[in-house]
Amino acid sequence: MGWLADLIDYGVIGFLIFLCFIAVMLGVERALFFRKTDPSIYKSRKELELVLMKNLPFIGTVASNAPYIGLLGTVLGIMLTFYNVGVTNNIETGKIMVSLSLALKATAVGLVVAIVAVVLYNTLSGTARKILMRWDIDNEG
């Protein structure tokens, strides 16, 4: 059953790291786009808003779901620990604690990914709102 533990570890944690990488890359792309965006070239506020919000929903989705994905990895790891204890009839406290602590790392990784994605999302959303306000100010009246 060692392969199953590796699958849970590398599968869940690998997926979380992959999501974090994609969210950060999209965040960098948005930040670079925002730096060079001139709101005055857009004819309507909706057109500008559509361009500014590109990829932000994905970052927000990663932010809101990463803790759940990490928790899923932890639950699977704990279930595997209980299964192994039941099958082997081995109640060595040290082995159980090591196995449970390793299961919790998926939650930790999920929380780290969520924190990174939340910071990205909030920063980028705030910048998009400022650019939209600039468009509103320039197009009053």
N, C-alpha and C. Protein backbone atom coordinates (compact mmCIF):
# COMPACT_ATOMS: atom_id res chain seq x y z
N MET A 1 0.81 -1.21 0.00
CA MET A 1 0.00 0.00 0.00
C MET A 1 0.85 1.27 0.00
N GLY A 2 2.16 1.11 -0.07
CA GLY A 2 3.04 2.28 -0.12
C GLY A 2 2.80 3.12 -1.35
N TRP A 3 2.46 2.45 -2.45
CA TRP A 3 2.20 3.18 -3.69
C TRP A 3 0.97 4.07 -3.56
N LEU A 4 -0.01 3.62 -2.77
CA LEU A 4 -1.22 4.42 -2.58
C LEU A 4 -0.91 5.68 -1.76
N ALA A 5 -0.08 5.54 -0.76
CA ALA A 5 0.34 6.70 0.03
C ALA A 5 1.09 7.70 -0.85
N ASP A 6 1.95 7.19 -1.71
CA ASP A 6 2.69 8.07 -2.63
C ASP A 6 1.74 8.75 -3.61
N LEU A 7 0.76 7.99 -4.08
CA LEU A 7 -0.23 8.56 -5.00
C LEU A 7 -1.01 9.69 -4.33
N ILE A 8 -1.41 9.47 -3.09
CA ILE A 8 -2.14 10.51 -2.36
C ILE A 8 -1.24 11.73 -2.15
N ASP A 9 -0.02 11.47 -1.67
CA ASP A 9 0.91 12.58 -1.43
C ASP A 9 1.23 13.34 -2.71
N TYR A 10 1.79 12.62 -3.67
CA TYR A 10 2.24 13.30 -4.88
C TYR A 10 1.09 13.75 -5.76
N GLY A 11 -0.01 13.03 -5.73
CA GLY A 11 -1.16 13.42 -6.53
C GLY A 11 -1.80 14.70 -6.03
N VAL A 12 -2.17 14.72 -4.76
CA VAL A 12 -2.85 15.90 -4.19
C VAL A 12 -1.89 17.08 -4.09
N ILE A 13 -0.74 16.85 -3.51
CA ILE A 13 0.21 17.96 -3.34
C ILE A 13 0.73 18.43 -4.70
N GLY A 14 0.97 17.50 -5.61
CA GLY A 14 1.40 17.89 -6.96
C GLY A 14 0.34 18.73 -7.66
N PHE A 15 -0.92 18.33 -7.52
CA PHE A 15 -2.01 19.08 -8.13
C PHE A 15 -2.10 20.49 -7.53
N LEU A 16 -1.94 20.59 -6.21
CA LEU A 16 -1.98 21.90 -5.56
C LEU A 16 -0.83 22.78 -6.04
N ILE A 17 0.34 22.23 -6.15
CA ILE A 17 1.49 23.00 -6.62
C ILE A 17 1.29 23.43 -8.07
N PHE A 18 0.72 22.54 -8.87
CA PHE A 18 0.40 22.88 -10.26
C PHE A 18 -0.59 24.05 -10.32
N LEU A 19 -1.66 23.98 -9.51
CA LEU A 19 -2.64 25.07 -9.47
C LEU A 19 -1.99 26.37 -9.03
N CYS A 20 -1.12 26.29 -8.04
CA CYS A 20 -0.44 27.50 -7.56
C CYS A 20 0.43 28.10 -8.67
N PHE A 21 1.16 27.24 -9.37
CA PHE A 21 2.01 27.71 -10.47
C PHE A 21 1.18 28.41 -11.54
N ILE A 22 0.07 27.81 -11.93
CA ILE A 22 -0.79 28.41 -12.95
C ILE A 22 -1.36 29.74 -12.45
N ALA A 23 -1.82 29.77 -11.20
CA ALA A 23 -2.39 31.01 -10.64
C ALA A 23 -1.34 32.12 -10.59
N VAL A 24 -0.13 31.79 -10.20
CA VAL A 24 0.93 32.80 -10.14
C VAL A 24 1.28 33.29 -11.54
N MET A 25 1.37 32.38 -12.50
CA MET A 25 1.69 32.79 -13.88
C MET A 25 0.59 33.69 -14.44
N LEU A 26 -0.67 33.33 -14.20
CA LEU A 26 -1.76 34.18 -14.66
C LEU A 26 -1.75 35.52 -13.93
N GLY A 27 -1.41 35.50 -12.66
CA GLY A 27 -1.31 36.74 -11.90
C GLY A 27 -0.22 37.66 -12.42
N VAL A 28 0.91 37.09 -12.75
CA VAL A 28 2.01 37.89 -13.32
C VAL A 28 1.59 38.47 -14.67
N GLU A 29 0.93 37.64 -15.48
CA GLU A 29 0.45 38.13 -16.78
C GLU A 29 -0.51 39.29 -16.60
N ARG A 30 -1.43 39.17 -15.65
CA ARG A 30 -2.40 40.25 -15.40
C ARG A 30 -1.70 41.50 -14.89
N ALA A 31 -0.75 41.34 -13.97
CA ALA A 31 -0.03 42.50 -13.43
C ALA A 31 0.71 43.23 -14.54
N LEU A 32 1.36 42.49 -15.42
CA LEU A 32 2.07 43.12 -16.54
C LEU A 32 1.09 43.81 -17.49
N PHE A 33 -0.05 43.17 -17.72
CA PHE A 33 -1.07 43.76 -18.58
C PHE A 33 -1.61 45.06 -17.96
N PHE A 34 -1.87 45.03 -16.66
CA PHE A 34 -2.40 46.22 -15.98
C PHE A 34 -1.42 47.39 -16.06
N ARG A 35 -0.13 47.10 -15.98
CA ARG A 35 0.88 48.16 -16.02
C ARG A 35 0.84 48.93 -17.34
N LYS A 36 0.56 48.23 -18.42
CA LYS A 36 0.59 48.89 -19.74
C LYS A 36 -0.79 49.27 -20.25
N THR A 37 -1.83 49.06 -19.45
CA THR A 37 -3.19 49.34 -19.90
C THR A 37 -3.48 50.83 -19.83
N ASP A 38 -3.95 51.36 -20.93
CA ASP A 38 -4.40 52.74 -21.01
C ASP A 38 -5.93 52.71 -21.12
N PRO A 39 -6.63 53.09 -20.03
CA PRO A 39 -8.09 52.98 -20.06
C PRO A 39 -8.75 53.85 -21.13
N SER A 40 -8.07 54.90 -21.58
CA SER A 40 -8.69 55.82 -22.53
C SER A 40 -8.88 55.20 -23.92
N ILE A 41 -8.23 54.10 -24.22
CA ILE A 41 -8.38 53.51 -25.55
C ILE A 41 -9.63 52.65 -25.68
N TYR A 42 -10.33 52.43 -24.58
CA TYR A 42 -11.53 51.61 -24.61
C TYR A 42 -12.76 52.49 -24.77
N LYS A 43 -13.67 52.06 -25.66
CA LYS A 43 -14.85 52.85 -25.96
C LYS A 43 -15.90 52.78 -24.86
N SER A 44 -15.99 51.62 -24.20
CA SER A 44 -17.01 51.47 -23.16
C SER A 44 -16.38 50.88 -21.90
N ARG A 45 -17.04 51.17 -20.81
CA ARG A 45 -16.58 50.65 -19.52
C ARG A 45 -16.67 49.12 -19.50
N LYS A 46 -17.71 48.58 -20.09
CA LYS A 46 -17.90 47.13 -20.11
C LYS A 46 -16.79 46.43 -20.90
N GLU A 47 -16.39 47.03 -21.99
CA GLU A 47 -15.29 46.48 -22.78
C GLU A 47 -14.01 46.45 -21.95
N LEU A 48 -13.73 47.54 -21.25
CA LEU A 48 -12.54 47.62 -20.40
C LEU A 48 -12.63 46.60 -19.27
N GLU A 49 -13.80 46.51 -18.65
CA GLU A 49 -13.98 45.58 -17.53
C GLU A 49 -13.79 44.13 -17.99
N LEU A 50 -14.28 43.81 -19.16
CA LEU A 50 -14.13 42.47 -19.71
C LEU A 50 -12.65 42.12 -19.90
N VAL A 51 -11.88 43.05 -20.40
CA VAL A 51 -10.45 42.82 -20.62
C VAL A 51 -9.70 42.71 -19.29
N LEU A 52 -10.08 43.55 -18.33
CA LEU A 52 -9.37 43.55 -17.05
C LEU A 52 -9.64 42.29 -16.22
N MET A 53 -10.82 41.74 -16.32
CA MET A 53 -11.20 40.61 -15.48
C MET A 53 -10.76 39.25 -16.03
N LYS A 54 -10.13 39.25 -17.18
CA LYS A 54 -9.67 38.00 -17.78
C LYS A 54 -8.77 37.25 -16.78
N ASN A 55 -9.03 35.98 -16.58
CA ASN A 55 -8.27 35.05 -15.72
C ASN A 55 -8.45 35.27 -14.22
N LEU A 56 -9.07 36.35 -13.79
CA LEU A 56 -9.28 36.55 -12.36
C LEU A 56 -10.21 35.50 -11.75
N PRO A 57 -11.25 35.06 -12.45
CA PRO A 57 -12.09 34.01 -11.86
C PRO A 57 -11.32 32.72 -11.56
N PHE A 58 -10.37 32.35 -12.42
CA PHE A 58 -9.58 31.15 -12.17
C PHE A 58 -8.75 31.31 -10.89
N ILE A 59 -8.12 32.46 -10.73
CA ILE A 59 -7.31 32.71 -9.52
C ILE A 59 -8.21 32.66 -8.29
N GLY A 60 -9.39 33.24 -8.38
CA GLY A 60 -10.33 33.20 -7.27
C GLY A 60 -10.81 31.79 -6.96
N THR A 61 -10.98 30.99 -8.00
CA THR A 61 -11.39 29.60 -7.81
C THR A 61 -10.29 28.80 -7.10
N VAL A 62 -9.05 29.02 -7.49
CA VAL A 62 -7.93 28.36 -6.81
C VAL A 62 -7.90 28.79 -5.35
N ALA A 63 -8.10 30.08 -5.11
CA ALA A 63 -8.06 30.60 -3.74
C ALA A 63 -9.12 29.96 -2.86
N SER A 64 -10.30 29.78 -3.42
CA SER A 64 -11.39 29.25 -2.59
C SER A 64 -11.40 27.73 -2.47
N ASN A 65 -10.78 27.03 -3.40
CA ASN A 65 -10.84 25.57 -3.39
C ASN A 65 -9.57 24.87 -2.94
N ALA A 66 -8.44 25.55 -2.92
CA ALA A 66 -7.19 24.90 -2.51
C ALA A 66 -7.26 24.30 -1.10
N PRO A 67 -7.86 24.99 -0.12
CA PRO A 67 -7.94 24.35 1.21
C PRO A 67 -8.75 23.04 1.19
N TYR A 68 -9.79 22.99 0.37
CA TYR A 68 -10.60 21.78 0.29
C TYR A 68 -9.83 20.64 -0.37
N ILE A 69 -9.06 20.96 -1.38
CA ILE A 69 -8.24 19.94 -2.04
C ILE A 69 -7.20 19.41 -1.05
N GLY A 70 -6.57 20.32 -0.29
CA GLY A 70 -5.62 19.89 0.74
C GLY A 70 -6.29 19.04 1.80
N LEU A 71 -7.47 19.44 2.20
CA LEU A 71 -8.22 18.67 3.20
C LEU A 71 -8.57 17.28 2.66
N LEU A 72 -8.91 17.20 1.40
CA LEU A 72 -9.18 15.90 0.79
C LEU A 72 -7.95 15.01 0.89
N GLY A 73 -6.78 15.55 0.61
CA GLY A 73 -5.54 14.78 0.73
C GLY A 73 -5.31 14.31 2.15
N THR A 74 -5.61 15.17 3.12
CA THR A 74 -5.46 14.79 4.52
C THR A 74 -6.42 13.68 4.90
N VAL A 75 -7.67 13.82 4.49
CA VAL A 75 -8.67 12.79 4.81
C VAL A 75 -8.27 11.45 4.17
N LEU A 76 -7.83 11.48 2.94
CA LEU A 76 -7.39 10.24 2.29
C LEU A 76 -6.18 9.64 3.01
N GLY A 77 -5.25 10.48 3.44
CA GLY A 77 -4.09 10.00 4.19
C GLY A 77 -4.47 9.40 5.53
N ILE A 78 -5.40 10.00 6.22
CA ILE A 78 -5.85 9.47 7.51
C ILE A 78 -6.61 8.15 7.30
N MET A 79 -7.44 8.11 6.26
CA MET A 79 -8.14 6.85 5.97
C MET A 79 -7.15 5.73 5.67
N LEU A 80 -6.11 6.05 4.91
CA LEU A 80 -5.08 5.05 4.60
C LEU A 80 -4.35 4.60 5.86
N THR A 81 -4.09 5.54 6.77
CA THR A 81 -3.45 5.19 8.04
C THR A 81 -4.31 4.22 8.83
N PHE A 82 -5.59 4.52 8.95
CA PHE A 82 -6.50 3.64 9.69
C PHE A 82 -6.61 2.27 9.01
N TYR A 83 -6.64 2.27 7.70
CA TYR A 83 -6.71 1.02 6.96
C TYR A 83 -5.47 0.17 7.25
N ASN A 84 -4.29 0.78 7.16
CA ASN A 84 -3.05 0.05 7.41
C ASN A 84 -2.98 -0.47 8.84
N VAL A 85 -3.45 0.31 9.81
CA VAL A 85 -3.47 -0.15 11.21
C VAL A 85 -4.40 -1.36 11.33
N GLY A 86 -5.55 -1.29 10.68
CA GLY A 86 -6.50 -2.40 10.75
C GLY A 86 -6.01 -3.66 10.07
N VAL A 87 -5.37 -3.52 8.92
CA VAL A 87 -4.92 -4.68 8.15
C VAL A 87 -3.71 -5.34 8.82
N THR A 88 -2.77 -4.53 9.27
CA THR A 88 -1.54 -5.09 9.85
C THR A 88 -1.71 -5.42 11.33
N ASN A 89 -2.78 -4.93 11.92
CA ASN A 89 -3.01 -5.13 13.35
C ASN A 89 -1.83 -4.61 14.17
N ASN A 90 -1.20 -3.56 13.64
CA ASN A 90 -0.01 -2.97 14.26
C ASN A 90 -0.41 -1.66 14.91
N ILE A 91 -0.29 -1.57 16.20
CA ILE A 91 -0.69 -0.36 16.90
C ILE A 91 0.54 0.32 17.50
N GLU A 92 1.57 0.46 16.69
CA GLU A 92 2.76 1.19 17.14
C GLU A 92 2.46 2.67 17.05
N THR A 93 2.46 3.31 18.19
CA THR A 93 2.09 4.72 18.26
C THR A 93 2.97 5.59 17.38
N GLY A 94 4.25 5.32 17.37
CA GLY A 94 5.18 6.13 16.57
C GLY A 94 4.85 6.11 15.10
N LYS A 95 4.58 4.93 14.57
CA LYS A 95 4.25 4.80 13.14
C LYS A 95 2.94 5.49 12.81
N ILE A 96 1.97 5.37 13.71
CA ILE A 96 0.67 6.01 13.48
C ILE A 96 0.83 7.53 13.48
N MET A 97 1.58 8.06 14.44
CA MET A 97 1.75 9.52 14.51
C MET A 97 2.50 10.06 13.30
N VAL A 98 3.51 9.34 12.85
CA VAL A 98 4.26 9.77 11.66
C VAL A 98 3.33 9.78 10.46
N SER A 99 2.53 8.73 10.32
CA SER A 99 1.62 8.63 9.18
C SER A 99 0.57 9.74 9.21
N LEU A 100 0.03 10.03 10.39
CA LEU A 100 -0.97 11.09 10.51
C LEU A 100 -0.36 12.46 10.26
N SER A 101 0.85 12.68 10.76
CA SER A 101 1.48 13.99 10.54
C SER A 101 1.80 14.20 9.07
N LEU A 102 2.19 13.13 8.38
CA LEU A 102 2.43 13.25 6.95
C LEU A 102 1.14 13.53 6.19
N ALA A 103 0.03 12.98 6.68
CA ALA A 103 -1.26 13.23 6.03
C ALA A 103 -1.63 14.71 6.13
N LEU A 104 -1.27 15.33 7.23
CA LEU A 104 -1.64 16.74 7.44
C LEU A 104 -0.89 17.71 6.53
N LYS A 105 0.20 17.25 5.93
CA LYS A 105 0.95 18.17 5.07
C LYS A 105 0.13 18.61 3.86
N ALA A 106 -0.81 17.79 3.41
CA ALA A 106 -1.66 18.18 2.28
C ALA A 106 -2.50 19.39 2.64
N THR A 107 -3.02 19.43 3.86
CA THR A 107 -3.80 20.60 4.29
C THR A 107 -2.90 21.82 4.36
N ALA A 108 -1.69 21.65 4.87
CA ALA A 108 -0.75 22.78 4.96
C ALA A 108 -0.45 23.34 3.57
N VAL A 109 -0.19 22.47 2.62
CA VAL A 109 0.09 22.93 1.25
C VAL A 109 -1.14 23.62 0.67
N GLY A 110 -2.32 23.06 0.91
CA GLY A 110 -3.56 23.68 0.43
C GLY A 110 -3.75 25.07 0.99
N LEU A 111 -3.43 25.25 2.26
CA LEU A 111 -3.56 26.58 2.88
C LEU A 111 -2.56 27.56 2.29
N VAL A 112 -1.34 27.12 2.07
CA VAL A 112 -0.33 28.01 1.47
C VAL A 112 -0.75 28.43 0.07
N VAL A 113 -1.22 27.49 -0.72
CA VAL A 113 -1.68 27.81 -2.09
C VAL A 113 -2.85 28.78 -2.02
N ALA A 114 -3.78 28.56 -1.10
CA ALA A 114 -4.93 29.45 -0.97
C ALA A 114 -4.50 30.85 -0.58
N ILE A 115 -3.57 30.97 0.34
CA ILE A 115 -3.10 32.29 0.78
C ILE A 115 -2.46 33.04 -0.38
N VAL A 116 -1.62 32.36 -1.14
CA VAL A 116 -0.98 32.99 -2.31
C VAL A 116 -2.05 33.44 -3.30
N ALA A 117 -3.01 32.58 -3.59
CA ALA A 117 -4.05 32.92 -4.58
C ALA A 117 -4.95 34.04 -4.09
N VAL A 118 -5.27 34.07 -2.80
CA VAL A 118 -6.12 35.14 -2.25
C VAL A 118 -5.40 36.49 -2.36
N VAL A 119 -4.12 36.50 -2.02
CA VAL A 119 -3.35 37.75 -2.12
C VAL A 119 -3.31 38.22 -3.57
N LEU A 120 -3.05 37.29 -4.48
CA LEU A 120 -3.04 37.64 -5.91
C LEU A 120 -4.39 38.18 -6.36
N TYR A 121 -5.43 37.46 -6.02
CA TYR A 121 -6.77 37.86 -6.46
C TYR A 121 -7.15 39.24 -5.92
N ASN A 122 -6.93 39.46 -4.64
CA ASN A 122 -7.30 40.74 -4.04
C ASN A 122 -6.47 41.88 -4.61
N THR A 123 -5.19 41.65 -4.80
CA THR A 123 -4.33 42.70 -5.37
C THR A 123 -4.75 43.03 -6.80
N LEU A 124 -4.96 42.01 -7.60
CA LEU A 124 -5.33 42.24 -9.00
C LEU A 124 -6.73 42.83 -9.13
N SER A 125 -7.66 42.38 -8.30
CA SER A 125 -9.02 42.95 -8.34
C SER A 125 -9.00 44.42 -7.95
N GLY A 126 -8.22 44.75 -6.95
CA GLY A 126 -8.10 46.15 -6.53
C GLY A 126 -7.50 47.02 -7.63
N THR A 127 -6.49 46.51 -8.29
CA THR A 127 -5.87 47.25 -9.40
C THR A 127 -6.86 47.42 -10.54
N ALA A 128 -7.62 46.37 -10.85
CA ALA A 128 -8.63 46.46 -11.91
C ALA A 128 -9.68 47.51 -11.56
N ARG A 129 -10.11 47.55 -10.30
CA ARG A 129 -11.10 48.56 -9.88
C ARG A 129 -10.53 49.98 -10.03
N LYS A 130 -9.26 50.16 -9.72
CA LYS A 130 -8.64 51.49 -9.87
C LYS A 130 -8.60 51.91 -11.34
N ILE A 131 -8.26 50.97 -12.21
CA ILE A 131 -8.24 51.29 -13.64
C ILE A 131 -9.64 51.62 -14.13
N LEU A 132 -10.65 50.90 -13.66
CA LEU A 132 -12.03 51.20 -14.03
C LEU A 132 -12.46 52.57 -13.49
N MET A 133 -12.04 52.90 -12.28
CA MET A 133 -12.36 54.24 -11.73
C MET A 133 -11.71 55.33 -12.56
N ARG A 134 -10.47 55.09 -13.01
CA ARG A 134 -9.79 56.06 -13.85
C ARG A 134 -10.58 56.27 -15.13
N TRP A 135 -11.12 55.18 -15.72
CA TRP A 135 -11.92 55.30 -16.93
C TRP A 135 -13.19 56.11 -16.62
N ASP A 136 -13.84 55.83 -15.49
CA ASP A 136 -15.05 56.55 -15.10
C ASP A 136 -14.78 58.04 -14.93
N ILE A 137 -13.69 58.38 -14.27
CA ILE A 137 -13.33 59.78 -14.05
C ILE A 137 -13.06 60.49 -15.37
N ASP A 138 -12.33 59.82 -16.25
CA ASP A 138 -11.98 60.43 -17.55
C ASP A 138 -13.18 60.56 -18.48
N ASN A 139 -14.23 59.78 -18.23
CA ASN A 139 -15.38 59.79 -19.13
C ASN A 139 -16.65 60.32 -18.48
N GLU A 140 -16.50 61.11 -17.42
CA GLU A 140 -17.68 61.72 -16.78
C GLU A 140 -18.28 62.78 -17.71
N GLY A 141 -19.59 62.87 -17.58
CA GLY A 141 -20.27 63.97 -18.27
C GLY A 141 -20.51 63.70 -19.66
